[in-house]
Protein backbone atom coordinates (compact mmCIF):
# COMPACT_ATOMS: atom_id res chain seq x y z
CA MET A 1 -84.16 84.78 1.37
CA THR A 2 -80.52 83.71 1.25
CA THR A 3 -78.54 85.37 -1.51
CA GLU A 4 -75.14 83.76 -0.94
CA ARG A 5 -74.39 80.43 -2.53
CA ALA A 6 -74.72 77.82 0.20
CA ARG A 7 -72.32 74.90 0.65
CA VAL A 8 -73.89 71.47 1.21
CA VAL A 9 -71.66 68.59 2.33
CA ILE A 10 -72.92 65.01 1.98
CA ILE A 11 -71.15 62.23 3.87
CA GLY A 12 -71.59 58.91 2.10
CA ALA A 13 -72.04 58.00 -1.59
CA GLY A 14 -74.50 55.18 -0.98
CA PHE A 15 -78.08 55.34 -2.16
CA GLY A 16 -79.17 58.10 0.24
CA GLY A 17 -76.19 60.35 -0.37
CA LEU A 18 -76.18 59.71 -4.09
CA PHE A 19 -79.86 60.62 -4.51
CA ALA A 20 -79.39 63.74 -2.39
CA ALA A 21 -76.45 64.84 -4.54
CA ARG A 22 -78.34 64.14 -7.75
CA ARG A 23 -81.25 66.24 -6.55
CA LEU A 24 -78.90 69.13 -5.72
CA ALA A 25 -77.05 68.85 -9.05
CA HIS A 26 -77.37 71.96 -11.22
CA SER A 27 -79.03 73.89 -8.38
CA ASN A 28 -77.77 77.13 -6.87
CA VAL A 29 -75.65 75.44 -4.19
CA ASP A 30 -72.15 74.01 -4.01
CA VAL A 31 -72.07 70.34 -3.11
CA VAL A 32 -69.17 68.30 -1.66
CA LEU A 33 -69.75 64.54 -1.62
CA ILE A 34 -67.38 62.63 0.70
CA ASP A 35 -66.87 58.87 0.72
CA ARG A 36 -64.13 56.38 1.68
CA ASN A 37 -64.42 54.81 -1.79
CA ASN A 38 -64.37 56.54 -5.17
CA TYR A 39 -67.28 54.44 -6.39
CA HIS A 40 -70.93 53.78 -5.64
CA THR A 41 -71.69 50.11 -4.92
CA PHE A 42 -74.91 48.44 -5.97
CA THR A 43 -75.11 46.49 -2.71
CA PRO A 44 -78.07 44.21 -3.60
CA LEU A 45 -75.74 42.26 -5.92
CA LEU A 46 -72.75 41.89 -3.59
CA TYR A 47 -73.60 38.26 -3.05
CA GLN A 48 -73.36 37.64 -6.81
CA VAL A 49 -69.78 38.93 -6.77
CA ALA A 50 -69.07 36.70 -3.77
CA THR A 51 -70.40 33.66 -5.65
CA ALA A 52 -68.51 34.38 -8.89
CA ALA A 53 -71.57 35.30 -10.91
CA LEU A 54 -70.51 38.91 -11.54
CA ASP A 55 -67.27 40.85 -11.76
CA PRO A 56 -66.80 43.54 -9.09
CA SER A 57 -66.69 46.29 -11.71
CA GLU A 58 -70.20 45.37 -12.85
CA ILE A 59 -71.83 46.48 -9.60
CA ALA A 60 -69.62 49.51 -8.92
CA TYR A 61 -69.70 52.87 -10.67
CA PRO A 62 -67.17 55.73 -10.24
CA VAL A 63 -68.65 58.67 -8.35
CA ARG A 64 -66.73 61.17 -10.44
CA THR A 65 -68.23 59.66 -13.59
CA ILE A 66 -71.74 60.08 -12.20
CA PHE A 67 -71.17 63.81 -11.62
CA ARG A 68 -68.72 64.45 -14.48
CA ASP A 69 -71.07 66.94 -16.17
CA THR A 70 -72.26 68.51 -12.89
CA PRO A 71 -70.00 71.50 -12.12
CA ASN A 72 -71.56 72.29 -8.73
CA VAL A 73 -70.86 68.81 -7.32
CA ARG A 74 -67.34 68.00 -6.14
CA PHE A 75 -66.17 64.62 -4.85
CA LEU A 76 -63.66 64.13 -2.04
CA LEU A 77 -62.13 60.74 -1.23
CA GLY A 78 -61.72 60.44 2.52
CA GLN A 79 -63.22 59.63 5.90
CA VAL A 80 -64.86 62.13 8.26
CA THR A 81 -63.26 61.88 11.70
CA ALA A 82 -64.74 64.92 13.47
CA ILE A 83 -67.68 67.33 13.16
CA ASP A 84 -67.42 70.81 14.66
CA GLN A 85 -71.03 71.95 14.77
CA ASP A 86 -70.28 75.42 16.12
CA ALA A 87 -67.82 76.26 13.35
CA ARG A 88 -69.64 74.02 10.83
CA VAL A 89 -66.40 72.33 9.85
CA LEU A 90 -65.62 68.69 9.13
CA THR A 91 -62.26 67.02 9.67
CA VAL A 92 -61.57 64.63 6.82
CA GLN A 93 -58.75 62.09 6.70
CA THR A 94 -57.70 61.43 3.11
CA GLY A 95 -54.66 59.21 2.90
CA GLU A 96 -52.03 60.68 5.21
CA ARG A 97 -53.44 64.15 4.86
CA THR A 98 -55.97 65.81 7.19
CA MET A 99 -58.32 68.29 5.55
CA HIS A 100 -61.04 70.61 6.81
CA GLU A 101 -64.27 71.15 4.91
CA SER A 102 -66.78 73.81 5.90
CA TYR A 103 -70.53 73.43 5.38
CA ASP A 104 -73.69 75.43 5.60
CA TYR A 105 -75.82 72.30 5.51
CA LEU A 106 -74.76 68.73 6.22
CA ILE A 107 -76.37 65.45 5.12
CA VAL A 108 -75.19 62.29 6.90
CA ALA A 109 -75.76 59.19 4.76
CA THR A 110 -73.12 56.70 5.88
CA GLY A 111 -75.36 53.63 5.88
CA SER A 112 -75.08 50.58 8.11
CA MET A 113 -72.78 47.79 9.26
CA PRO A 114 -73.35 44.25 10.55
CA ASN A 115 -74.92 43.90 13.99
CA TYR A 116 -73.69 40.97 16.07
CA PHE A 117 -76.13 41.68 18.91
CA GLY A 118 -73.54 41.57 21.68
CA HIS A 119 -71.47 38.76 20.17
CA ASP A 120 -68.84 41.10 18.75
CA ARG A 121 -66.21 38.35 18.86
CA PHE A 122 -68.08 36.66 16.01
CA ALA A 123 -66.73 39.38 13.73
CA ASP A 124 -63.26 37.86 14.05
CA TYR A 125 -64.40 34.72 12.25
CA ALA A 126 -67.51 35.52 10.23
CA PHE A 127 -67.63 36.86 6.70
CA GLU A 128 -69.75 39.91 5.95
CA LEU A 129 -71.37 41.16 2.76
CA ARG A 130 -71.43 44.90 3.24
CA THR A 131 -68.74 46.17 0.87
CA LEU A 132 -67.19 45.24 -2.45
CA HIS A 133 -64.06 44.15 -0.60
CA ASP A 134 -66.17 41.82 1.57
CA SER A 135 -67.60 40.06 -1.46
CA ILE A 136 -64.19 39.61 -3.13
CA ARG A 137 -62.73 38.27 0.10
CA LEU A 138 -65.53 35.72 0.47
CA ARG A 139 -65.14 34.62 -3.15
CA ASN A 140 -61.40 34.10 -2.67
CA HIS A 141 -62.05 32.15 0.50
CA VAL A 142 -64.62 29.79 -1.05
CA LEU A 143 -62.45 29.05 -4.08
CA ASN A 144 -59.41 28.51 -1.88
CA LEU A 145 -61.26 25.99 0.27
CA PHE A 146 -62.23 23.97 -2.79
CA GLU A 147 -58.60 23.81 -3.83
CA ARG A 148 -57.64 22.58 -0.36
CA ALA A 149 -60.46 20.07 -0.16
CA ILE A 150 -59.34 18.18 -3.26
CA TRP A 151 -56.05 17.34 -1.50
CA GLU A 152 -57.43 16.81 1.99
CA GLU A 153 -57.28 13.18 3.11
CA ASP A 154 -59.24 13.58 6.36
CA GLU A 155 -62.91 13.16 5.41
CA ALA A 156 -64.19 15.19 8.37
CA VAL A 157 -61.91 18.12 7.56
CA ARG A 158 -62.82 17.91 3.87
CA LYS A 159 -66.51 18.05 4.76
CA ALA A 160 -65.97 21.11 6.96
CA LEU A 161 -64.04 22.83 4.18
CA LEU A 162 -67.00 22.40 1.83
CA THR A 163 -69.74 23.37 4.30
CA ILE A 164 -70.93 26.97 4.42
CA VAL A 165 -73.22 28.31 7.15
CA VAL A 166 -75.27 31.42 6.43
CA VAL A 167 -76.70 33.14 9.51
CA GLY A 168 -79.86 35.15 8.92
CA GLY A 169 -83.11 34.45 7.11
CA GLY A 170 -83.62 37.87 5.54
CA PRO A 171 -83.16 38.65 1.82
CA THR A 172 -79.35 38.76 2.03
CA GLY A 173 -79.23 35.44 3.84
CA ILE A 174 -81.49 33.48 1.50
CA GLU A 175 -79.99 35.04 -1.62
CA THR A 176 -76.47 34.16 -0.49
CA ALA A 177 -77.42 30.62 0.54
CA GLY A 178 -79.13 29.93 -2.78
CA ALA A 179 -76.31 31.41 -4.86
CA VAL A 180 -73.60 29.53 -2.95
CA TYR A 181 -75.46 26.24 -3.36
CA GLU A 182 -75.71 26.75 -7.12
CA LEU A 183 -72.01 27.71 -7.29
CA TYR A 184 -71.03 24.62 -5.31
CA ASN A 185 -73.19 22.06 -7.02
CA HIS A 186 -73.70 23.31 -10.57
CA VAL A 187 -70.29 24.87 -11.27
CA LEU A 188 -67.42 23.91 -9.00
CA LEU A 189 -68.16 20.21 -8.59
CA LYS A 190 -67.92 19.79 -12.36
CA GLU A 191 -64.37 21.09 -12.23
CA TYR A 192 -63.23 18.76 -9.45
CA PRO A 193 -64.15 15.31 -10.84
CA HIS A 194 -61.27 13.36 -9.25
CA GLY A 195 -62.32 13.52 -5.62
CA PRO A 196 -65.38 12.64 -3.55
CA LEU A 197 -66.41 16.21 -2.73
CA HIS A 198 -69.70 16.60 -0.87
CA THR A 199 -70.87 20.18 -0.39
CA SER A 200 -73.37 21.50 2.09
CA VAL A 201 -75.11 24.87 2.57
CA VAL A 202 -76.89 25.49 5.87
CA LEU A 203 -79.07 28.52 6.62
CA VAL A 204 -79.61 29.30 10.32
CA GLU A 205 -82.41 31.64 11.41
CA GLN A 206 -83.28 32.44 15.01
CA LEU A 207 -86.95 33.14 14.29
CA PRO A 208 -89.40 30.36 13.39
CA HIS A 209 -89.76 31.72 9.85
CA LEU A 210 -87.83 33.42 7.05
CA LEU A 211 -88.31 36.93 5.66
CA THR A 212 -90.04 38.63 8.60
CA PRO A 213 -91.63 41.55 6.66
CA TYR A 214 -93.28 39.18 4.15
CA PRO A 215 -96.72 37.57 4.50
CA PRO A 216 -96.80 33.95 5.78
CA LYS A 217 -97.59 32.62 2.30
CA LEU A 218 -94.33 33.99 0.89
CA GLN A 219 -92.35 32.97 3.98
CA THR A 220 -93.48 29.40 3.42
CA SER A 221 -92.77 29.65 -0.30
CA ALA A 222 -89.22 30.91 0.33
CA LEU A 223 -88.59 28.02 2.73
CA ARG A 224 -89.83 25.44 0.26
CA GLN A 225 -87.85 26.91 -2.63
CA LEU A 226 -84.63 26.92 -0.58
CA GLN A 227 -85.18 23.32 0.48
CA SER A 228 -86.05 22.22 -3.07
CA LEU A 229 -82.78 23.75 -4.21
CA GLY A 230 -80.87 21.69 -1.65
CA VAL A 231 -80.19 24.20 1.14
CA GLU A 232 -80.63 22.87 4.69
CA VAL A 233 -82.70 25.38 6.69
CA LEU A 234 -82.58 25.45 10.51
CA LEU A 235 -85.34 27.66 11.92
CA GLY A 236 -85.67 28.71 15.55
CA ARG A 237 -81.93 28.26 16.11
CA ALA A 238 -79.31 30.78 17.18
CA LEU A 239 -75.52 30.80 17.23
CA VAL A 240 -74.01 30.81 20.70
CA ALA A 241 -70.38 30.14 19.78
CA LEU A 242 -68.24 30.62 16.70
CA GLU A 243 -64.63 29.52 16.28
CA PRO A 244 -62.40 28.31 13.45
CA GLY A 245 -63.80 25.05 12.18
CA ALA A 246 -67.11 24.98 14.08
CA VAL A 247 -70.22 26.83 15.19
CA LYS A 248 -72.42 25.90 18.11
CA LEU A 249 -76.19 26.44 18.23
CA ASP A 250 -78.42 27.11 21.19
CA ASP A 251 -79.90 23.61 21.05
CA GLY A 252 -76.48 22.12 21.75
CA SER A 253 -75.80 20.98 18.19
CA GLU A 254 -72.58 21.78 16.36
CA LEU A 255 -71.79 22.41 12.70
CA ASN A 256 -68.26 21.87 11.42
CA THR A 257 -67.38 24.60 8.95
CA TYR A 258 -64.68 27.10 8.03
CA THR A 259 -67.10 29.51 6.37
CA VAL A 260 -69.76 31.48 8.21
CA VAL A 261 -71.53 34.34 6.44
CA TRP A 262 -73.21 36.77 8.82
CA ALA A 263 -76.46 38.21 7.47
CA ALA A 264 -78.42 38.37 10.72
CA GLY A 265 -78.91 42.10 11.11
CA MET A 266 -77.55 45.58 10.63
CA LYS A 267 -76.86 48.64 12.74
CA ALA A 268 -75.93 52.21 11.88
CA THR A 269 -72.32 53.15 11.24
CA ALA A 270 -70.50 54.82 14.13
CA ILE A 271 -70.68 58.35 12.77
CA GLY A 272 -73.58 59.16 15.09
CA ALA A 273 -71.11 59.42 17.95
CA LEU A 274 -69.56 62.46 16.24
CA LEU A 275 -72.83 64.38 16.47
CA GLY A 276 -73.17 64.23 20.27
CA VAL A 277 -76.83 63.19 20.23
CA ASP A 278 -78.56 60.35 22.05
CA LEU A 279 -78.76 57.51 19.54
CA ALA A 280 -81.77 55.31 18.95
CA ARG A 281 -81.92 51.53 18.66
CA GLY A 282 -79.17 50.06 16.54
CA GLY A 283 -77.04 53.19 16.92
CA ARG A 284 -79.27 55.09 14.48
CA ILE A 285 -79.49 58.88 14.53
CA PRO A 286 -82.98 60.12 15.55
CA ILE A 287 -84.40 62.51 12.99
CA GLU A 288 -87.50 64.64 12.60
CA ALA A 289 -89.96 63.95 9.80
CA THR A 290 -88.08 66.55 7.71
CA THR A 291 -84.93 64.33 8.08
CA VAL A 292 -83.17 67.02 10.16
CA VAL A 293 -81.36 65.48 13.12
CA ARG A 294 -83.41 65.90 16.27
CA GLY A 295 -82.08 68.77 18.39
CA LEU A 296 -79.62 70.02 15.78
CA GLU A 297 -79.72 72.67 13.10
CA ARG A 298 -78.75 72.34 9.44
CA ILE A 299 -77.73 68.70 9.88
CA TYR A 300 -79.80 66.00 8.18
CA ALA A 301 -79.53 62.22 8.31
CA VAL A 302 -80.97 59.77 5.80
CA GLY A 303 -81.12 56.06 5.06
CA ASP A 304 -79.88 53.26 7.29
CA VAL A 305 -78.07 55.61 9.65
CA ALA A 306 -81.30 57.54 10.44
CA TYR A 307 -84.10 56.57 12.84
CA LEU A 308 -87.64 57.73 12.13
CA GLU A 309 -90.87 56.06 13.14
CA ASP A 310 -93.90 55.70 10.88
CA ALA A 311 -97.53 56.38 11.85
CA ALA A 312 -97.74 52.99 13.53
CA GLY A 313 -94.72 53.72 15.72
CA GLN A 314 -92.40 51.38 13.84
CA PRO A 315 -89.01 52.55 12.55
CA TYR A 316 -88.67 52.77 8.81
CA PRO A 317 -86.71 49.75 7.60
CA MET A 318 -83.12 49.81 6.40
CA LEU A 319 -84.07 49.52 2.75
CA ILE A 320 -82.73 51.18 -0.38
CA PRO A 321 -86.01 52.89 -1.34
CA VAL A 322 -86.21 54.50 2.11
CA ALA A 323 -82.66 55.84 1.71
CA GLN A 324 -83.33 57.12 -1.80
CA GLN A 325 -86.54 58.91 -0.85
CA GLN A 326 -85.09 60.39 2.34
CA GLY A 327 -82.03 61.57 0.43
CA GLN A 328 -84.20 63.38 -2.08
CA LEU A 329 -86.33 64.87 0.69
CA ALA A 330 -83.30 66.18 2.61
CA ALA A 331 -82.05 67.89 -0.56
CA ASN A 332 -85.49 69.33 -1.25
CA ASN A 333 -85.80 70.63 2.30
CA ILE A 334 -82.40 72.30 2.17
CA LEU A 335 -83.41 74.07 -1.03
CA ALA A 336 -86.73 75.00 0.59
CA ALA A 337 -84.93 76.42 3.65
CA LEU A 338 -82.66 78.48 1.43
CA ALA A 339 -85.71 79.83 -0.39
CA GLY A 340 -87.50 80.69 2.86
CA GLU A 341 -90.13 78.03 2.28
CA SER A 342 -91.54 75.37 4.59
CA GLU A 343 -89.79 72.02 4.79
CA GLN A 344 -91.81 68.91 4.00
CA ALA A 345 -92.31 65.76 6.09
CA PHE A 346 -91.22 62.31 4.96
CA SER A 347 -93.90 60.18 3.32
CA TYR A 348 -92.68 56.77 2.28
CA TYR A 349 -93.87 55.36 -1.03
CA ASP A 350 -93.53 51.63 -0.48
CA ARG A 351 -93.33 49.60 -3.70
CA GLY A 352 -92.83 46.37 -1.81
CA THR A 353 -89.89 43.98 -1.48
CA MET A 354 -88.46 40.97 -3.27
CA ALA A 355 -85.70 38.41 -2.88
CA THR A 356 -84.22 35.87 -5.25
CA ILE A 357 -83.33 32.36 -4.11
CA GLY A 358 -81.79 30.80 -7.18
CA ARG A 359 -82.49 29.98 -10.79
CA ARG A 360 -86.23 30.52 -11.36
CA ARG A 361 -86.71 30.82 -7.60
CA ALA A 362 -87.76 34.05 -5.90
CA VAL A 363 -90.47 35.74 -3.85
CA ALA A 364 -91.91 39.22 -4.32
CA TRP A 365 -94.40 41.27 -2.31
CA ILE A 366 -95.38 43.94 -4.84
CA PHE A 367 -96.81 47.12 -3.29
CA ASN A 368 -97.40 44.97 -0.20
CA ARG A 369 -100.51 43.64 -1.92
CA PHE A 370 -99.53 41.20 -4.66
CA ALA A 371 -97.64 38.01 -3.82
CA LEU A 372 -95.44 36.45 -6.48
CA SER A 373 -93.21 33.41 -6.21
CA GLY A 374 -91.15 31.16 -8.42
CA ARG A 375 -90.36 32.05 -12.03
CA LEU A 376 -92.57 35.16 -12.25
CA ALA A 377 -91.04 36.67 -9.11
CA TRP A 378 -87.57 35.79 -10.40
CA LEU A 379 -88.18 37.60 -13.69
CA ALA A 380 -89.52 40.63 -11.81
CA TRP A 381 -86.40 40.63 -9.63
CA LEU A 382 -84.11 40.45 -12.70
CA GLY A 383 -85.87 43.33 -14.41
CA LEU A 384 -85.90 45.59 -11.37
CA HIS A 385 -82.23 45.14 -10.59
CA LEU A 386 -81.19 45.76 -14.18
CA VAL A 387 -83.13 49.02 -14.19
CA MET A 388 -81.61 50.13 -10.88
CA LEU A 389 -78.01 49.52 -11.93
CA LEU A 390 -76.05 52.65 -12.80
CA GLY A 391 -74.48 52.90 -16.23
CA PHE A 392 -75.46 51.35 -19.56
CA ARG A 393 -72.27 49.31 -19.72
CA ASN A 394 -72.94 47.82 -16.29
CA ARG A 395 -76.48 46.86 -17.28
CA LEU A 396 -75.33 45.29 -20.53
CA ASN A 397 -72.52 43.32 -18.89
CA VAL A 398 -74.78 42.06 -16.10
CA LEU A 399 -77.47 41.05 -18.58
CA ILE A 400 -74.94 39.14 -20.68
CA ASN A 401 -73.49 37.41 -17.60
CA TRP A 402 -76.93 36.47 -16.29
CA ALA A 403 -77.92 35.05 -19.68
CA TRP A 404 -74.66 33.09 -19.90
CA ASN A 405 -75.07 31.75 -16.37
CA TYR A 406 -78.64 30.74 -17.11
CA LEU A 407 -77.84 28.92 -20.32
CA THR A 408 -74.63 27.20 -19.23
CA TYR A 409 -74.69 27.06 -15.40
CA ASP A 410 -71.24 28.62 -15.66
CA ARG A 411 -69.67 31.35 -13.51
CA SER A 412 -66.96 33.23 -15.35
CA VAL A 413 -65.28 35.07 -12.46
CA ARG A 414 -63.46 32.28 -10.62
CA ILE A 415 -59.98 33.75 -10.30
CA ILE A 416 -58.34 33.51 -6.88
CA TRP A 417 -56.68 36.85 -6.16
CA SER A 418 -55.13 35.91 -2.83
CA GLN A 419 -53.89 32.82 -1.03
CA GLU A 420 -55.02 32.30 2.55
CA ALA A 421 -52.71 30.92 5.21
CA LEU A 422 -55.41 28.99 7.07
CA PRO A 423 -59.17 28.55 6.66
CA GLY A 424 -60.15 30.06 9.95
CA LYS A 425 -59.70 32.89 12.40
CA SER A 426 -57.48 35.36 10.58
CA SER A 427 -57.35 33.95 7.07
CA HIS A 428 -60.00 36.25 5.71
CA GLN A 429 -58.78 39.27 7.65
CA GLN A 430 -55.49 39.55 5.79
């Protein structure tokens, strides 16, 4: 049995890393949690920041505040640039300073990034919803385009300015499309009464249906709810070209737009390359059932960055509950190893999935057995996300904002923080 106090380093303060650190809090180990941001982001609500429904601070929570009363957990702001497995030392870039952090056990929980499936050039023009910065940038962009549209004399250009294309029919895609439509048509149009502004939201999905993991009944329900809201849905279509002002689809059609939101898939962050292992599909790090990285010792990977197949041979999905449960398991197995006990295998407790589409519109697949849609699913979605938010103040503020939005159709956070030079290639990259 180990008598020395072990040092556990966790890379990433997302859901997997955060739950691992919380499990190790107040235990007989020293924990260093490293992240590029000093806050944890509640990523399921990024689209609500992007559509002016919530303030950024309402879905972010300072990491140091989370562990303020936890003396064995230390936070380090920085980015890991190298991993020396022989010496068990990490190289961390923090500002202009390079630091070295030793570890006895390492947990990699750096999450995922958008996957363009070979069309990497799309990233130069598409907006993403992966970080808090992404959501603020998209909000600034949308509000800027409305300001330009009111003065635009060319009808075709004005229409393109007010058309948004969302690529991807998963939860992020349908939630973003629904929220943008409500922002356009129930909030912004009321504030621009002096011009003929006609907005359009188009959702493009390559598969013949939305929400692949859901049963056909809920896929159909999601489609109907989106269409009843006013979103145009194009199924069985794929983007083949993307440039400022237009996108081209594989059927030869073209959509004129200056705003494309990419929600068509995710892949693991690039940290796997630092481990020197053969990566699985989507750049994910292959792990054993104990969450230890296959072929390595004392290094664990959890969440979106990790690849593990279930009993049916399918990889566990990139979902928050998977990350949370794997993070807890990795922490438990490290403590078990230190105590000379056997490590446990991952067993996923699947509570189901849900997605909101708009006011009183949602679908939910509870415990993968009970199908809910419409108002009841929407209420379930509201309740779950309030419970999952960190911090009482965040929960209270979000609840107040949601109630205000529901009663008034108003969005309070419509301040433009930056002016864009052009609505196109590099305008949202500045």
